[in-house]
Amino acid sequence: MERDGGWQQIHVIRHWHHLGSAADVHAARRLDTVAPGFDAHGYKILCKPILNGRAEIILL
Protein backbone atom coordinates (compact mmCIF):
# COMPACT_ATOMS: atom_id res chain seq x y z
CA MET A 1 0.00 0.00 0.00
CA GLU A 2 1.16 3.48 -0.81
CA ARG A 3 -0.04 6.49 1.21
CA ASP A 4 0.47 10.23 1.04
CA GLY A 5 -1.77 12.42 3.15
CA GLY A 6 -5.37 11.40 2.42
CA TRP A 7 -4.42 9.54 -0.77
CA GLN A 8 -3.80 5.79 -0.85
CA GLN A 9 -3.24 3.13 -3.48
CA ILE A 10 -3.27 -0.61 -2.91
CA HIS A 11 -1.03 -2.43 -5.38
CA VAL A 12 -2.34 -5.95 -5.95
CA ILE A 13 0.33 -8.60 -6.49
CA ARG A 14 -0.29 -12.31 -7.09
CA HIS A 15 2.60 -14.70 -7.69
CA TRP A 16 4.89 -11.73 -8.40
CA HIS A 17 2.52 -10.38 -11.07
CA HIS A 18 1.11 -6.87 -10.66
CA LEU A 19 -2.66 -7.12 -11.22
CA GLY A 20 -3.27 -3.39 -10.85
CA SER A 21 -3.86 -0.70 -8.25
CA ALA A 22 -7.00 0.31 -6.40
CA ALA A 23 -8.10 2.99 -3.96
CA ASP A 24 -9.66 0.57 -1.45
CA VAL A 25 -9.69 -3.10 -0.42
CA HIS A 26 -13.05 -3.82 -2.09
CA ALA A 27 -11.79 -2.64 -5.47
CA ALA A 28 -8.46 -4.43 -4.92
CA ARG A 29 -10.27 -7.74 -4.41
CA ARG A 30 -11.86 -7.42 -7.86
CA LEU A 31 -8.48 -7.28 -9.61
CA ASP A 32 -7.82 -10.79 -10.86
CA THR A 33 -6.43 -10.65 -14.41
CA VAL A 34 -2.73 -11.29 -14.90
CA ALA A 35 -1.14 -9.50 -17.83
CA PRO A 36 0.58 -11.83 -20.30
CA GLY A 37 4.34 -12.12 -19.94
CA PHE A 38 6.65 -11.37 -17.06
CA ASP A 39 7.42 -7.76 -16.15
CA ALA A 40 11.04 -7.83 -14.95
CA HIS A 41 11.02 -4.08 -14.26
CA GLY A 42 7.94 -4.39 -12.02
CA TYR A 43 9.52 -7.35 -10.24
CA LYS A 44 12.61 -5.29 -9.41
CA ILE A 45 10.46 -2.42 -8.11
CA LEU A 46 8.48 -4.81 -5.87
CA CYS A 47 11.40 -6.75 -4.43
CA LYS A 48 13.07 -4.00 -2.46
CA PRO A 49 10.17 -2.82 -0.22
CA ILE A 50 8.82 -6.34 0.25
CA LEU A 51 12.13 -7.95 1.15
CA ASN A 52 13.31 -5.14 3.44
CA GLY A 53 9.99 -5.16 5.34
CA ARG A 54 8.91 -1.60 4.48
CA ALA A 55 5.86 -2.66 2.42
CA GLU A 56 2.53 -2.93 4.19
CA ILE A 57 1.07 -6.27 3.12
CA ILE A 58 -2.70 -6.78 3.16
CA LEU A 59 -3.99 -10.30 2.54
CA LEU A 60 -6.99 -10.19 0.23
C-alpha atoms as a PDB file:
ATOM      1  CA  MET A   1       0.000   0.000   0.000  1.00  0.00           C
ATOM      2  CA  GLU A   2       1.162   3.481  -0.806  1.00  0.00           C
ATOM      3  CA  ARG A   3      -0.040   6.488   1.215  1.00  0.00           C
ATOM      4  CA  ASP A   4       0.469  10.234   1.040  1.00  0.00           C
ATOM      5  CA  GLY A   5      -1.770  12.417   3.145  1.00  0.00           C
ATOM      6  CA  GLY A   6      -5.368  11.397   2.416  1.00  0.00           C
ATOM      7  CA  TRP A   7      -4.425   9.538  -0.771  1.00  0.00           C
ATOM      8  CA  GLN A   8      -3.801   5.791  -0.853  1.00  0.00           C
ATOM      9  CA  GLN A   9      -3.244   3.126  -3.477  1.00  0.00           C
ATOM     10  CA  ILE A  10      -3.267  -0.608  -2.912  1.00  0.00           C
ATOM     11  CA  HIS A  11      -1.033  -2.426  -5.378  1.00  0.00           C
ATOM     12  CA  VAL A  12      -2.338  -5.952  -5.947  1.00  0.00           C
ATOM     13  CA  ILE A  13       0.330  -8.597  -6.493  1.00  0.00           C
ATOM     14  CA  ARG A  14      -0.290 -12.308  -7.086  1.00  0.00           C
ATOM     15  CA  HIS A  15       2.604 -14.702  -7.691  1.00  0.00           C
ATOM     16  CA  TRP A  16       4.895 -11.725  -8.404  1.00  0.00           C
ATOM     17  CA  HIS A  17       2.515 -10.379 -11.074  1.00  0.00           C
ATOM     18  CA  HIS A  18       1.109  -6.873 -10.659  1.00  0.00           C
ATOM     19  CA  LEU A  19      -2.658  -7.117 -11.220  1.00  0.00           C
ATOM     20  CA  GLY A  20      -3.267  -3.393 -10.851  1.00  0.00           C
ATOM     21  CA  SER A  21      -3.864  -0.700  -8.255  1.00  0.00           C
ATOM     22  CA  ALA A  22      -7.001   0.314  -6.402  1.00  0.00           C
ATOM     23  CA  ALA A  23      -8.104   2.989  -3.960  1.00  0.00           C
ATOM     24  CA  ASP A  24      -9.661   0.567  -1.454  1.00  0.00           C
ATOM     25  CA  VAL A  25      -9.686  -3.101  -0.416  1.00  0.00           C
ATOM     26  CA  HIS A  26     -13.048  -3.822  -2.088  1.00  0.00           C
ATOM     27  CA  ALA A  27     -11.791  -2.638  -5.473  1.00  0.00           C
ATOM     28  CA  ALA A  28      -8.459  -4.430  -4.921  1.00  0.00           C
ATOM     29  CA  ARG A  29     -10.269  -7.745  -4.406  1.00  0.00           C
ATOM     30  CA  ARG A  30     -11.859  -7.424  -7.858  1.00  0.00           C
ATOM     31  CA  LEU A  31      -8.479  -7.277  -9.607  1.00  0.00           C
ATOM     32  CA  ASP A  32      -7.818 -10.790 -10.865  1.00  0.00           C
ATOM     33  CA  THR A  33      -6.426 -10.645 -14.415  1.00  0.00           C
ATOM     34  CA  VAL A  34      -2.735 -11.287 -14.900  1.00  0.00           C
ATOM     35  CA  ALA A  35      -1.137  -9.502 -17.834  1.00  0.00           C
ATOM     36  CA  PRO A  36       0.583 -11.825 -20.296  1.00  0.00           C
ATOM     37  CA  GLY A  37       4.341 -12.123 -19.942  1.00  0.00           C
ATOM     38  CA  PHE A  38       6.646 -11.374 -17.055  1.00  0.00           C
ATOM     39  CA  ASP A  39       7.423  -7.762 -16.147  1.00  0.00           C
ATOM     40  CA  ALA A  40      11.040  -7.834 -14.949  1.00  0.00           C
ATOM     41  CA  HIS A  41      11.015  -4.075 -14.263  1.00  0.00           C
ATOM     42  CA  GLY A  42       7.942  -4.389 -12.022  1.00  0.00           C
ATOM     43  CA  TYR A  43       9.519  -7.347 -10.237  1.00  0.00           C
ATOM     44  CA  LYS A  44      12.611  -5.292  -9.412  1.00  0.00           C
ATOM     45  CA  ILE A  45      10.464  -2.417  -8.108  1.00  0.00           C
ATOM     46  CA  LEU A  46       8.482  -4.806  -5.873  1.00  0.00           C
ATOM     47  CA  CYS A  47      11.398  -6.751  -4.431  1.00  0.00           C
ATOM     48  CA  LYS A  48      13.073  -3.998  -2.463  1.00  0.00           C
ATOM     49  CA  PRO A  49      10.174  -2.818  -0.224  1.00  0.00           C
ATOM     50  CA  ILE A  50       8.823  -6.341   0.245  1.00  0.00           C
ATOM     51  CA  LEU A  51      12.125  -7.951   1.152  1.00  0.00           C
ATOM     52  CA  ASN A  52      13.312  -5.145   3.440  1.00  0.00           C
ATOM     53  CA  GLY A  53       9.992  -5.159   5.344  1.00  0.00           C
ATOM     54  CA  ARG A  54       8.905  -1.600   4.479  1.00  0.00           C
ATOM     55  CA  ALA A  55       5.862  -2.656   2.417  1.00  0.00           C
ATOM     56  CA  GLU A  56       2.526  -2.926   4.187  1.00  0.00           C
ATOM     57  CA  ILE A  57       1.069  -6.271   3.118  1.00  0.00           C
ATOM     58  CA  ILE A  58      -2.699  -6.783   3.156  1.00  0.00           C
ATOM     59  CA  LEU A  59      -3.985 -10.298   2.544  1.00  0.00           C
ATOM     60  CA  LEU A  60      -6.989 -10.188   0.225  1.00  0.00           C
END
